[in-house]
Amino acid sequence: MLKPSTMVEEETQQAPAKTLGDVLYAKSKALVPEQEWTMLVQSIASGDQLALHALYERAHRIVFTLIMRITANHEMAEELTIDVFHDVWRRASRYEPGNGTVLAWIMNQARSRAIDRLRFESRKKRQQDDDALSAAEAVADPHDVIELREQGETLRAALTTLTPAERQAIETTFIGGLTHAEAAARLNQPLGTLKTRIRSGLHKLRHALASEAGKP
């Protein structure tokens, strides 16, 4: 007779999970019925802090893993994981079982938190770069400042030759500091389409900048 652990292994091999959600949620579904997850959220909505703790214990590792994959920053992932469960505490009364499982609801909040933080950090970095440039201009030679500004105007003029899709692809990838795969996921576009738009956009930029450089 097979041992229980062996039976579980055989069942897992016979019915492999098809999606990441299946993998992440498999054990929870096997051990805890969805009804119990829903009851926890309902208890949280009524102000039950112990229910929030129980939900955190069941789901925080999965939430952390997802955020870590998006941000690639351990400290940020830990901070945002706490923020997600704070959101759960505040929004528990809004949860509708008919719209999906509790875990899917939590993971959507985690994904939104992570993406919002990346956008915030990107904006902050651009602001810091702008501030650094302004500080450098304050002590730079006036002729150097004029040249820098003219180069910026040339680049902005070149960017107007791109289609909105090409410009979005280039800005998301290069200015946003993302890989092609990350940018495609962020823009919800096929990877091949994104690469095509980047190639065509860069070709237009090179041509525009070369034409500008050739002017007297």
C-alpha atoms as a PDB file:
ATOM      1  CA  MET A   1       0.000   0.000   0.000  1.00  0.00           C
ATOM      2  CA  LEU A   2       1.271   3.464  -0.888  1.00  0.00           C
ATOM      3  CA  LYS A   3       2.140   5.847   1.893  1.00  0.00           C
ATOM      4  CA  PRO A   4       0.033   9.029   2.046  1.00  0.00           C
ATOM      5  CA  SER A   5       2.977  11.185   0.958  1.00  0.00           C
ATOM      6  CA  THR A   6       3.563   8.920  -2.065  1.00  0.00           C
ATOM      7  CA  MET A   7      -0.109   9.144  -3.028  1.00  0.00           C
ATOM      8  CA  VAL A   8       0.063  12.916  -2.904  1.00  0.00           C
ATOM      9  CA  GLU A   9       3.169  12.912  -5.102  1.00  0.00           C
ATOM     10  CA  GLU A  10       1.480  10.656  -7.677  1.00  0.00           C
ATOM     11  CA  GLU A  11      -1.636  12.826  -7.735  1.00  0.00           C
ATOM     12  CA  THR A  12       0.535  15.917  -8.252  1.00  0.00           C
ATOM     13  CA  GLN A  13       2.331  14.259 -11.155  1.00  0.00           C
ATOM     14  CA  GLN A  14      -0.944  13.174 -12.760  1.00  0.00           C
ATOM     15  CA  ALA A  15      -2.548  16.637 -12.528  1.00  0.00           C
ATOM     16  CA  PRO A  16       0.167  19.271 -12.868  1.00  0.00           C
ATOM     17  CA  ALA A  17      -0.739  22.909 -12.238  1.00  0.00           C
ATOM     18  CA  LYS A  18      -1.157  24.900 -15.454  1.00  0.00           C
ATOM     19  CA  THR A  19      -0.647  28.435 -14.257  1.00  0.00           C
ATOM     20  CA  LEU A  20       1.408  30.352 -11.710  1.00  0.00           C
ATOM     21  CA  GLY A  21      -1.776  30.920  -9.753  1.00  0.00           C
ATOM     22  CA  ASP A  22      -2.367  27.176  -9.623  1.00  0.00           C
ATOM     23  CA  VAL A  23       1.147  26.646  -8.273  1.00  0.00           C
ATOM     24  CA  LEU A  24       0.946  29.387  -5.655  1.00  0.00           C
ATOM     25  CA  TYR A  25      -2.549  28.543  -4.507  1.00  0.00           C
ATOM     26  CA  ALA A  26      -2.474  24.733  -4.753  1.00  0.00           C
ATOM     27  CA  LYS A  27      -1.623  23.962  -1.124  1.00  0.00           C
ATOM     28  CA  SER A  28      -4.010  26.548   0.239  1.00  0.00           C
ATOM     29  CA  LYS A  29      -6.876  25.125  -1.814  1.00  0.00           C
ATOM     30  CA  ALA A  30      -6.070  21.635  -0.677  1.00  0.00           C
ATOM     31  CA  LEU A  31      -5.905  22.544   3.007  1.00  0.00           C
ATOM     32  CA  VAL A  32      -8.360  25.413   3.385  1.00  0.00           C
ATOM     33  CA  PRO A  33     -11.690  25.686   1.531  1.00  0.00           C
ATOM     34  CA  GLU A  34     -12.355  28.986  -0.187  1.00  0.00           C
ATOM     35  CA  GLN A  35     -15.293  29.482   2.165  1.00  0.00           C
ATOM     36  CA  GLU A  36     -12.876  29.778   5.081  1.00  0.00           C
ATOM     37  CA  TRP A  37     -10.804  32.389   3.249  1.00  0.00           C
ATOM     38  CA  THR A  38     -13.994  34.345   2.615  1.00  0.00           C
ATOM     39  CA  MET A  39     -15.030  34.069   6.269  1.00  0.00           C
ATOM     40  CA  LEU A  40     -11.660  35.481   7.301  1.00  0.00           C
ATOM     41  CA  VAL A  41     -12.149  38.525   5.077  1.00  0.00           C
ATOM     42  CA  GLN A  42     -15.657  39.001   6.414  1.00  0.00           C
ATOM     43  CA  SER A  43     -14.317  38.854   9.965  1.00  0.00           C
ATOM     44  CA  ILE A  44     -11.624  41.387   9.064  1.00  0.00           C
ATOM     45  CA  ALA A  45     -14.330  43.669   7.676  1.00  0.00           C
ATOM     46  CA  SER A  46     -16.005  43.578  11.083  1.00  0.00           C
ATOM     47  CA  GLY A  47     -12.751  44.608  12.793  1.00  0.00           C
ATOM     48  CA  ASP A  48     -11.350  41.213  13.823  1.00  0.00           C
ATOM     49  CA  GLN A  49      -7.567  41.679  14.123  1.00  0.00           C
ATOM     50  CA  LEU A  50      -6.990  37.971  14.796  1.00  0.00           C
ATOM     51  CA  ALA A  51      -8.593  37.178  11.443  1.00  0.00           C
ATOM     52  CA  LEU A  52      -6.186  39.584   9.758  1.00  0.00           C
ATOM     53  CA  HIS A  53      -3.275  37.855  11.472  1.00  0.00           C
ATOM     54  CA  ALA A  54      -4.551  34.448  10.317  1.00  0.00           C
ATOM     55  CA  LEU A  55      -4.901  35.673   6.736  1.00  0.00           C
ATOM     56  CA  TYR A  56      -1.428  37.175   6.858  1.00  0.00           C
ATOM     57  CA  GLU A  57       0.057  33.883   8.055  1.00  0.00           C
ATOM     58  CA  ARG A  58      -1.576  32.036   5.165  1.00  0.00           C
ATOM     59  CA  ALA A  59      -0.783  34.444   2.359  1.00  0.00           C
ATOM     60  CA  HIS A  60       2.156  36.727   3.157  1.00  0.00           C
ATOM     61  CA  ARG A  61       4.820  34.449   1.637  1.00  0.00           C
ATOM     62  CA  ILE A  62       3.001  34.312  -1.693  1.00  0.00           C
ATOM     63  CA  VAL A  63       2.435  38.065  -1.667  1.00  0.00           C
ATOM     64  CA  PHE A  64       6.111  38.712  -0.883  1.00  0.00           C
ATOM     65  CA  THR A  65       7.215  36.380  -3.691  1.00  0.00           C
ATOM     66  CA  LEU A  66       5.088  38.176  -6.271  1.00  0.00           C
ATOM     67  CA  ILE A  67       6.245  41.633  -5.196  1.00  0.00           C
ATOM     68  CA  MET A  68       9.856  40.487  -5.135  1.00  0.00           C
ATOM     69  CA  ARG A  69       9.545  39.236  -8.716  1.00  0.00           C
ATOM     70  CA  ILE A  70       8.200  42.620  -9.848  1.00  0.00           C
ATOM     71  CA  THR A  71      10.521  44.936  -7.898  1.00  0.00           C
ATOM     72  CA  ALA A  72      13.644  42.766  -7.509  1.00  0.00           C
ATOM     73  CA  ASN A  73      14.200  44.600  -4.218  1.00  0.00           C
ATOM     74  CA  HIS A  74      14.034  42.595  -0.977  1.00  0.00           C
ATOM     75  CA  GLU A  75      13.587  45.565   1.353  1.00  0.00           C
ATOM     76  CA  MET A  76      10.926  47.103  -0.860  1.00  0.00           C
ATOM     77  CA  ALA A  77       9.108  43.769  -1.134  1.00  0.00           C
ATOM     78  CA  GLU A  78       8.985  43.405   2.644  1.00  0.00           C
ATOM     79  CA  GLU A  79       7.623  46.935   3.047  1.00  0.00           C
ATOM     80  CA  LEU A  80       4.997  46.531   0.337  1.00  0.00           C
ATOM     81  CA  THR A  81       3.864  43.173   1.712  1.00  0.00           C
ATOM     82  CA  ILE A  82       2.933  44.901   4.965  1.00  0.00           C
ATOM     83  CA  ASP A  83       1.222  47.654   2.981  1.00  0.00           C
ATOM     84  CA  VAL A  84      -0.860  45.089   1.089  1.00  0.00           C
ATOM     85  CA  PHE A  85      -2.283  43.624   4.287  1.00  0.00           C
ATOM     86  CA  HIS A  86      -2.933  47.097   5.601  1.00  0.00           C
ATOM     87  CA  ASP A  87      -4.966  47.610   2.420  1.00  0.00           C
ATOM     88  CA  VAL A  88      -6.790  44.336   3.096  1.00  0.00           C
ATOM     89  CA  TRP A  89      -7.691  45.617   6.569  1.00  0.00           C
ATOM     90  CA  ARG A  90      -9.098  48.838   5.115  1.00  0.00           C
ATOM     91  CA  ARG A  91     -10.816  47.313   2.095  1.00  0.00           C
ATOM     92  CA  ALA A  92     -12.130  44.025   3.452  1.00  0.00           C
ATOM     93  CA  SER A  93     -15.728  45.246   3.365  1.00  0.00           C
ATOM     94  CA  ARG A  94     -15.401  45.814  -0.401  1.00  0.00           C
ATOM     95  CA  TYR A  95     -14.464  42.228  -1.212  1.00  0.00           C
ATOM     96  CA  GLU A  96     -17.028  40.459  -3.419  1.00  0.00           C
ATOM     97  CA  PRO A  97     -16.674  36.652  -3.588  1.00  0.00           C
ATOM     98  CA  GLY A  98     -18.374  36.635  -6.977  1.00  0.00           C
ATOM     99  CA  ASN A  99     -15.482  38.577  -8.487  1.00  0.00           C
ATOM    100  CA  GLY A 100     -12.831  35.977  -7.676  1.00  0.00           C
ATOM    101  CA  THR A 101     -11.043  34.167  -4.886  1.00  0.00           C
ATOM    102  CA  VAL A 102      -9.689  35.901  -1.814  1.00  0.00           C
ATOM    103  CA  LEU A 103      -6.119  35.128  -2.813  1.00  0.00           C
ATOM    104  CA  ALA A 104      -6.624  36.512  -6.317  1.00  0.00           C
ATOM    105  CA  TRP A 105      -8.057  39.679  -4.769  1.00  0.00           C
ATOM    106  CA  ILE A 106      -5.029  40.050  -2.497  1.00  0.00           C
ATOM    107  CA  MET A 107      -2.568  39.318  -5.298  1.00  0.00           C
ATOM    108  CA  ASN A 108      -4.143  41.966  -7.523  1.00  0.00           C
ATOM    109  CA  GLN A 109      -3.602  44.496  -4.740  1.00  0.00           C
ATOM    110  CA  ALA A 110      -0.001  43.315  -4.350  1.00  0.00           C
ATOM    111  CA  ARG A 111       0.675  43.667  -8.075  1.00  0.00           C
ATOM    112  CA  SER A 112      -0.812  47.177  -8.148  1.00  0.00           C
ATOM    113  CA  ARG A 113       1.225  48.216  -5.111  1.00  0.00           C
ATOM    114  CA  ALA A 114       4.455  46.947  -6.664  1.00  0.00           C
ATOM    115  CA  ILE A 115       3.878  48.607 -10.041  1.00  0.00           C
ATOM    116  CA  ASP A 116       2.870  51.892  -8.420  1.00  0.00           C
ATOM    117  CA  ARG A 117       6.054  51.883  -6.351  1.00  0.00           C
ATOM    118  CA  LEU A 118       8.216  51.262  -9.424  1.00  0.00           C
ATOM    119  CA  ARG A 119       6.552  54.186 -11.176  1.00  0.00           C
ATOM    120  CA  PHE A 120       7.088  56.392  -8.132  1.00  0.00           C
ATOM    121  CA  GLU A 121      10.763  55.446  -7.888  1.00  0.00           C
ATOM    122  CA  SER A 122      11.218  56.104 -11.603  1.00  0.00           C
ATOM    123  CA  ARG A 123       9.644  59.571 -11.311  1.00  0.00           C
ATOM    124  CA  LYS A 124      11.759  60.322  -8.243  1.00  0.00           C
ATOM    125  CA  LYS A 125      14.947  59.318 -10.050  1.00  0.00           C
ATOM    126  CA  ARG A 126      14.094  61.560 -13.012  1.00  0.00           C
ATOM    127  CA  GLN A 127      13.447  64.445 -10.623  1.00  0.00           C
ATOM    128  CA  GLN A 128      16.775  63.854  -8.891  1.00  0.00           C
ATOM    129  CA  ASP A 129      18.533  63.804 -12.268  1.00  0.00           C
ATOM    130  CA  ASP A 130      16.844  67.074 -13.230  1.00  0.00           C
ATOM    131  CA  ASP A 131      17.851  68.640  -9.906  1.00  0.00           C
ATOM    132  CA  ALA A 132      21.435  67.486 -10.400  1.00  0.00           C
ATOM    133  CA  LEU A 133      21.498  69.001 -13.889  1.00  0.00           C
ATOM    134  CA  SER A 134      20.123  72.288 -12.572  1.00  0.00           C
ATOM    135  CA  ALA A 135      22.801  72.364  -9.861  1.00  0.00           C
ATOM    136  CA  ALA A 136      25.496  71.692 -12.441  1.00  0.00           C
ATOM    137  CA  GLU A 137      24.161  74.452 -14.678  1.00  0.00           C
ATOM    138  CA  ALA A 138      24.346  76.891 -11.775  1.00  0.00           C
ATOM    139  CA  VAL A 139      28.148  76.685 -11.751  1.00  0.00           C
ATOM    140  CA  ALA A 140      28.754  75.832 -15.412  1.00  0.00           C
ATOM    141  CA  ASP A 141      30.119  78.050 -18.097  1.00  0.00           C
ATOM    142  CA  PRO A 142      27.248  79.909 -19.816  1.00  0.00           C
ATOM    143  CA  HIS A 143      28.338  78.606 -23.236  1.00  0.00           C
ATOM    144  CA  ASP A 144      28.238  75.015 -21.937  1.00  0.00           C
ATOM    145  CA  VAL A 145      24.742  75.555 -20.556  1.00  0.00           C
ATOM    146  CA  ILE A 146      23.518  76.864 -23.913  1.00  0.00           C
ATOM    147  CA  GLU A 147      25.016  73.840 -25.695  1.00  0.00           C
ATOM    148  CA  LEU A 148      23.353  71.440 -23.267  1.00  0.00           C
ATOM    149  CA  ARG A 149      19.989  73.103 -23.752  1.00  0.00           C
ATOM    150  CA  GLU A 150      20.373  73.043 -27.534  1.00  0.00           C
ATOM    151  CA  GLN A 151      21.135  69.320 -27.426  1.00  0.00           C
ATOM    152  CA  GLY A 152      18.021  68.752 -25.331  1.00  0.00           C
ATOM    153  CA  GLU A 153      15.932  70.719 -27.821  1.00  0.00           C
ATOM    154  CA  THR A 154      17.412  68.681 -30.684  1.00  0.00           C
ATOM    155  CA  LEU A 155      16.495  65.425 -28.966  1.00  0.00           C
ATOM    156  CA  ARG A 156      12.966  66.638 -28.198  1.00  0.00           C
ATOM    157  CA  ALA A 157      12.557  67.643 -31.836  1.00  0.00           C
ATOM    158  CA  ALA A 158      13.786  64.217 -32.943  1.00  0.00           C
ATOM    159  CA  LEU A 159      11.296  62.506 -30.645  1.00  0.00           C
ATOM    160  CA  THR A 160       8.426  64.226 -32.454  1.00  0.00           C
ATOM    161  CA  THR A 161       9.245  62.128 -35.529  1.00  0.00           C
ATOM    162  CA  LEU A 162       8.187  58.963 -33.678  1.00  0.00           C
ATOM    163  CA  THR A 163       4.719  57.509 -33.517  1.00  0.00           C
ATOM    164  CA  PRO A 164       3.132  57.488 -30.029  1.00  0.00           C
ATOM    165  CA  ALA A 165       3.641  53.703 -29.852  1.00  0.00           C
ATOM    166  CA  GLU A 166       7.335  53.973 -30.797  1.00  0.00           C
ATOM    167  CA  ARG A 167       7.957  56.751 -28.298  1.00  0.00           C
ATOM    168  CA  GLN A 168       6.149  54.858 -25.529  1.00  0.00           C
ATOM    169  CA  ALA A 169       8.180  51.702 -26.230  1.00  0.00           C
ATOM    170  CA  ILE A 170      11.505  53.579 -26.160  1.00  0.00           C
ATOM    171  CA  GLU A 171      10.699  55.655 -23.072  1.00  0.00           C
ATOM    172  CA  THR A 172       9.404  52.652 -21.125  1.00  0.00           C
ATOM    173  CA  THR A 173      12.451  50.540 -21.969  1.00  0.00           C
ATOM    174  CA  PHE A 174      15.341  53.012 -21.836  1.00  0.00           C
ATOM    175  CA  ILE A 175      14.130  55.837 -19.609  1.00  0.00           C
ATOM    176  CA  GLY A 176      12.224  53.446 -17.365  1.00  0.00           C
ATOM    177  CA  GLY A 177      15.273  51.177 -17.121  1.00  0.00           C
ATOM    178  CA  LEU A 178      13.336  48.003 -17.992  1.00  0.00           C
ATOM    179  CA  THR A 179      14.316  44.998 -20.076  1.00  0.00           C
ATOM    180  CA  HIS A 180      12.431  44.358 -23.291  1.00  0.00           C
ATOM    181  CA  ALA A 181      10.434  41.594 -21.589  1.00  0.00           C
ATOM    182  CA  GLU A 182       9.575  43.793 -18.600  1.00  0.00           C
ATOM    183  CA  ALA A 183       8.550  46.691 -20.844  1.00  0.00           C
ATOM    184  CA  ALA A 184       6.358  44.381 -22.959  1.00  0.00           C
ATOM    185  CA  ALA A 185       4.626  43.137 -19.819  1.00  0.00           C
ATOM    186  CA  ARG A 186       4.222  46.688 -18.473  1.00  0.00           C
ATOM    187  CA  LEU A 187       2.647  47.864 -21.755  1.00  0.00           C
ATOM    188  CA  ASN A 188       0.671  44.635 -22.243  1.00  0.00           C
ATOM    189  CA  GLN A 189       2.192  44.146 -25.701  1.00  0.00           C
ATOM    190  CA  PRO A 190       3.738  41.111 -27.448  1.00  0.00           C
ATOM    191  CA  LEU A 191       7.508  41.096 -27.047  1.00  0.00           C
ATOM    192  CA  GLY A 192       8.043  40.978 -30.813  1.00  0.00           C
ATOM    193  CA  THR A 193       5.838  44.030 -31.349  1.00  0.00           C
ATOM    194  CA  LEU A 194       7.711  46.004 -28.708  1.00  0.00           C
ATOM    195  CA  LYS A 195      11.101  45.168 -30.239  1.00  0.00           C
ATOM    196  CA  THR A 196       9.871  46.156 -33.706  1.00  0.00           C
ATOM    197  CA  ARG A 197       8.661  49.525 -32.414  1.00  0.00           C
ATOM    198  CA  ILE A 198      11.950  50.139 -30.607  1.00  0.00           C
ATOM    199  CA  ARG A 199      13.977  49.316 -33.743  1.00  0.00           C
ATOM    200  CA  SER A 200      11.886  51.538 -35.991  1.00  0.00           C
ATOM    201  CA  GLY A 201      11.892  54.341 -33.406  1.00  0.00           C
ATOM    202  CA  LEU A 202      15.665  54.240 -32.939  1.00  0.00           C
ATOM    203  CA  HIS A 203      16.161  54.271 -36.711  1.00  0.00           C
ATOM    204  CA  LYS A 204      14.039  57.426 -36.986  1.00  0.00           C
ATOM    205  CA  LEU A 205      15.907  59.061 -34.087  1.00  0.00           C
ATOM    206  CA  ARG A 206      19.314  58.353 -35.659  1.00  0.00           C
ATOM    207  CA  HIS A 207      18.154  59.764 -38.975  1.00  0.00           C
ATOM    208  CA  ALA A 208      16.646  62.884 -37.363  1.00  0.00           C
ATOM    209  CA  LEU A 209      19.714  63.561 -35.204  1.00  0.00           C
ATOM    210  CA  ALA A 210      22.082  62.987 -38.121  1.00  0.00           C
ATOM    211  CA  SER A 211      20.092  65.410 -40.275  1.00  0.00           C
ATOM    212  CA  GLU A 212      20.173  68.034 -37.518  1.00  0.00           C
ATOM    213  CA  ALA A 213      23.927  67.583 -37.051  1.00  0.00           C
ATOM    214  CA  GLY A 214      24.469  68.151 -40.774  1.00  0.00           C
ATOM    215  CA  LYS A 215      22.798  71.559 -40.727  1.00  0.00           C
ATOM    216  CA  PRO A 216      25.137  74.584 -40.863  1.00  0.00           C
END
